[in-house]
Amino acid sequence: MLAATCLSSLHNRGELFLLELEEERTHFAELLIWAMAVGALGLMFLVVFTAFIILLFPVEMRIWACAGFCLLYLGGAILALLNLKSLLKNSPPPFSGSIDEMKKDREWFESSP
């Protein structure tokens, strides 16, 4: 009876792990696709908009406009990097549901006679 319960529990945990693995894989692929779209479209916008603004300046001031945009983009890149590091640091570990269930199982097996 105990062996059947153990096997059933192990089977359930295996199914949960595989389900979470598939969800993580799908979630990662979706994030990657959207991140690439945002990056490509955002970069195209920035290039065209920057060129447009710089061309609005008088010829002798365009070098200063370029320097200003460089500083602006550098500041934005630093803020984005800090935000990315924060997101990666604070995200829950993958397969946390499976790990929690296995901890519960271990506690249950240790407490059962």
C-alpha atoms as a PDB file:
ATOM      1  CA  MET A   1       0.000   0.000   0.000  1.00  0.00           C
ATOM      2  CA  LEU A   2       2.760   2.433   0.906  1.00  0.00           C
ATOM      3  CA  ALA A   3       4.686   1.565  -2.253  1.00  0.00           C
ATOM      4  CA  ALA A   4       1.606   2.210  -4.397  1.00  0.00           C
ATOM      5  CA  THR A   5       1.089   5.558  -2.678  1.00  0.00           C
ATOM      6  CA  CYS A   6       4.738   6.458  -3.249  1.00  0.00           C
ATOM      7  CA  LEU A   7       4.578   5.508  -6.919  1.00  0.00           C
ATOM      8  CA  SER A   8       1.344   7.408  -7.406  1.00  0.00           C
ATOM      9  CA  SER A   9       2.789  10.463  -5.699  1.00  0.00           C
ATOM     10  CA  LEU A  10       5.952  10.239  -7.786  1.00  0.00           C
ATOM     11  CA  HIS A  11       3.881   9.896 -10.948  1.00  0.00           C
ATOM     12  CA  ASN A  12       1.811  12.983 -10.045  1.00  0.00           C
ATOM     13  CA  ARG A  13       4.931  14.984  -9.313  1.00  0.00           C
ATOM     14  CA  GLY A  14       6.477  13.912 -12.605  1.00  0.00           C
ATOM     15  CA  GLU A  15       3.405  15.047 -14.491  1.00  0.00           C
ATOM     16  CA  LEU A  16       3.453  18.374 -12.658  1.00  0.00           C
ATOM     17  CA  PHE A  17       7.130  18.831 -13.495  1.00  0.00           C
ATOM     18  CA  LEU A  18       6.550  18.098 -17.189  1.00  0.00           C
ATOM     19  CA  LEU A  19       3.594  20.473 -17.277  1.00  0.00           C
ATOM     20  CA  GLU A  20       5.631  23.255 -15.684  1.00  0.00           C
ATOM     21  CA  LEU A  21       8.513  22.555 -18.059  1.00  0.00           C
ATOM     22  CA  GLU A  22       6.224  22.956 -21.059  1.00  0.00           C
ATOM     23  CA  GLU A  23       4.737  26.152 -19.620  1.00  0.00           C
ATOM     24  CA  GLU A  24       8.195  27.606 -18.995  1.00  0.00           C
ATOM     25  CA  ARG A  25       9.323  26.734 -22.508  1.00  0.00           C
ATOM     26  CA  THR A  26       6.239  28.293 -24.088  1.00  0.00           C
ATOM     27  CA  HIS A  27       6.500  31.367 -21.859  1.00  0.00           C
ATOM     28  CA  PHE A  28      10.177  31.823 -22.709  1.00  0.00           C
ATOM     29  CA  ALA A  29       9.556  31.515 -26.459  1.00  0.00           C
ATOM     30  CA  GLU A  30       6.729  34.053 -26.269  1.00  0.00           C
ATOM     31  CA  LEU A  31       8.875  36.471 -24.265  1.00  0.00           C
ATOM     32  CA  LEU A  32      11.732  36.100 -26.719  1.00  0.00           C
ATOM     33  CA  ILE A  33       9.543  36.807 -29.744  1.00  0.00           C
ATOM     34  CA  TRP A  34       7.990  39.895 -28.164  1.00  0.00           C
ATOM     35  CA  ALA A  35      11.354  41.151 -26.924  1.00  0.00           C
ATOM     36  CA  MET A  36      12.823  40.848 -30.430  1.00  0.00           C
ATOM     37  CA  ALA A  37       9.833  42.696 -31.929  1.00  0.00           C
ATOM     38  CA  VAL A  38      10.085  45.481 -29.357  1.00  0.00           C
ATOM     39  CA  GLY A  39      13.823  45.763 -29.874  1.00  0.00           C
ATOM     40  CA  ALA A  40      13.697  45.881 -33.662  1.00  0.00           C
ATOM     41  CA  LEU A  41      10.776  48.301 -33.913  1.00  0.00           C
ATOM     42  CA  GLY A  42      12.041  50.490 -31.102  1.00  0.00           C
ATOM     43  CA  LEU A  43      15.480  50.714 -32.674  1.00  0.00           C
ATOM     44  CA  MET A  44      14.026  51.666 -36.059  1.00  0.00           C
ATOM     45  CA  PHE A  45      11.943  54.389 -34.408  1.00  0.00           C
ATOM     46  CA  LEU A  46      14.909  55.771 -32.483  1.00  0.00           C
ATOM     47  CA  VAL A  47      17.121  55.952 -35.568  1.00  0.00           C
ATOM     48  CA  VAL A  48      14.529  57.755 -37.682  1.00  0.00           C
ATOM     49  CA  PHE A  49      13.374  60.067 -34.885  1.00  0.00           C
ATOM     50  CA  THR A  50      16.932  60.951 -33.904  1.00  0.00           C
ATOM     51  CA  ALA A  51      17.861  61.758 -37.492  1.00  0.00           C
ATOM     52  CA  PHE A  52      14.718  63.868 -37.833  1.00  0.00           C
ATOM     53  CA  ILE A  53      15.473  65.895 -34.694  1.00  0.00           C
ATOM     54  CA  ILE A  54      19.146  66.353 -35.578  1.00  0.00           C
ATOM     55  CA  LEU A  55      18.218  67.613 -39.042  1.00  0.00           C
ATOM     56  CA  LEU A  56      15.999  70.265 -37.440  1.00  0.00           C
ATOM     57  CA  PHE A  57      19.065  71.855 -35.784  1.00  0.00           C
ATOM     58  CA  PRO A  58      21.201  74.397 -37.639  1.00  0.00           C
ATOM     59  CA  VAL A  59      24.255  72.843 -39.322  1.00  0.00           C
ATOM     60  CA  GLU A  60      26.747  74.251 -36.810  1.00  0.00           C
ATOM     61  CA  MET A  61      24.737  72.867 -33.838  1.00  0.00           C
ATOM     62  CA  ARG A  62      24.158  69.337 -35.151  1.00  0.00           C
ATOM     63  CA  ILE A  63      27.266  67.912 -33.486  1.00  0.00           C
ATOM     64  CA  TRP A  64      25.933  69.055 -30.100  1.00  0.00           C
ATOM     65  CA  ALA A  65      22.561  67.532 -30.867  1.00  0.00           C
ATOM     66  CA  CYS A  66      24.295  64.231 -31.669  1.00  0.00           C
ATOM     67  CA  ALA A  67      26.213  64.402 -28.377  1.00  0.00           C
ATOM     68  CA  GLY A  68      23.001  65.110 -26.502  1.00  0.00           C
ATOM     69  CA  PHE A  69      21.287  62.107 -28.007  1.00  0.00           C
ATOM     70  CA  CYS A  70      24.293  59.934 -27.185  1.00  0.00           C
ATOM     71  CA  LEU A  71      24.070  60.945 -23.532  1.00  0.00           C
ATOM     72  CA  LEU A  72      20.311  60.428 -23.517  1.00  0.00           C
ATOM     73  CA  TYR A  73      20.629  56.932 -24.975  1.00  0.00           C
ATOM     74  CA  LEU A  74      23.451  56.027 -22.612  1.00  0.00           C
ATOM     75  CA  GLY A  75      21.331  57.049 -19.628  1.00  0.00           C
ATOM     76  CA  GLY A  76      18.410  55.029 -20.970  1.00  0.00           C
ATOM     77  CA  ALA A  77      20.597  51.990 -21.499  1.00  0.00           C
ATOM     78  CA  ILE A  78      21.895  52.191 -17.932  1.00  0.00           C
ATOM     79  CA  LEU A  79      18.350  52.452 -16.546  1.00  0.00           C
ATOM     80  CA  ALA A  80      17.219  49.523 -18.698  1.00  0.00           C
ATOM     81  CA  LEU A  81      20.145  47.415 -17.513  1.00  0.00           C
ATOM     82  CA  LEU A  82      19.364  48.164 -13.864  1.00  0.00           C
ATOM     83  CA  ASN A  83      15.700  47.294 -14.433  1.00  0.00           C
ATOM     84  CA  LEU A  84      16.631  44.031 -16.166  1.00  0.00           C
ATOM     85  CA  LYS A  85      18.917  43.040 -13.311  1.00  0.00           C
ATOM     86  CA  SER A  86      16.124  43.778 -10.833  1.00  0.00           C
ATOM     87  CA  LEU A  87      13.623  41.681 -12.790  1.00  0.00           C
ATOM     88  CA  LEU A  88      15.993  38.735 -13.026  1.00  0.00           C
ATOM     89  CA  LYS A  89      16.858  38.968  -9.340  1.00  0.00           C
ATOM     90  CA  ASN A  90      13.238  39.127  -8.125  1.00  0.00           C
ATOM     91  CA  SER A  91      11.636  36.536 -10.414  1.00  0.00           C
ATOM     92  CA  PRO A  92      10.547  33.256  -8.823  1.00  0.00           C
ATOM     93  CA  PRO A  93      12.687  30.255  -9.618  1.00  0.00           C
ATOM     94  CA  PRO A  94      11.409  27.945 -12.330  1.00  0.00           C
ATOM     95  CA  PHE A  95       9.631  24.765 -11.224  1.00  0.00           C
ATOM     96  CA  SER A  96       8.881  26.217  -7.812  1.00  0.00           C
ATOM     97  CA  GLY A  97       5.545  24.360  -7.736  1.00  0.00           C
ATOM     98  CA  SER A  98       7.246  21.003  -8.267  1.00  0.00           C
ATOM     99  CA  ILE A  99       9.888  21.743  -5.664  1.00  0.00           C
ATOM    100  CA  ASP A 100       7.258  22.777  -3.096  1.00  0.00           C
ATOM    101  CA  GLU A 101       5.243  19.615  -3.703  1.00  0.00           C
ATOM    102  CA  MET A 102       8.325  17.415  -3.356  1.00  0.00           C
ATOM    103  CA  LYS A 103       9.160  19.127  -0.044  1.00  0.00           C
ATOM    104  CA  LYS A 104       5.625  18.413   1.162  1.00  0.00           C
ATOM    105  CA  ASP A 105       5.989  14.784   0.076  1.00  0.00           C
ATOM    106  CA  ARG A 106       9.283  14.418   1.907  1.00  0.00           C
ATOM    107  CA  GLU A 107       7.778  15.898   5.068  1.00  0.00           C
ATOM    108  CA  TRP A 108       4.791  13.583   4.782  1.00  0.00           C
ATOM    109  CA  PHE A 109       7.001  10.500   4.311  1.00  0.00           C
ATOM    110  CA  GLU A 110       9.203  11.491   7.237  1.00  0.00           C
ATOM    111  CA  SER A 111       6.205  11.977   9.523  1.00  0.00           C
ATOM    112  CA  SER A 112       4.382   8.769   8.504  1.00  0.00           C
ATOM    113  CA  PRO A 113       5.141   5.594  10.498  1.00  0.00           C
END
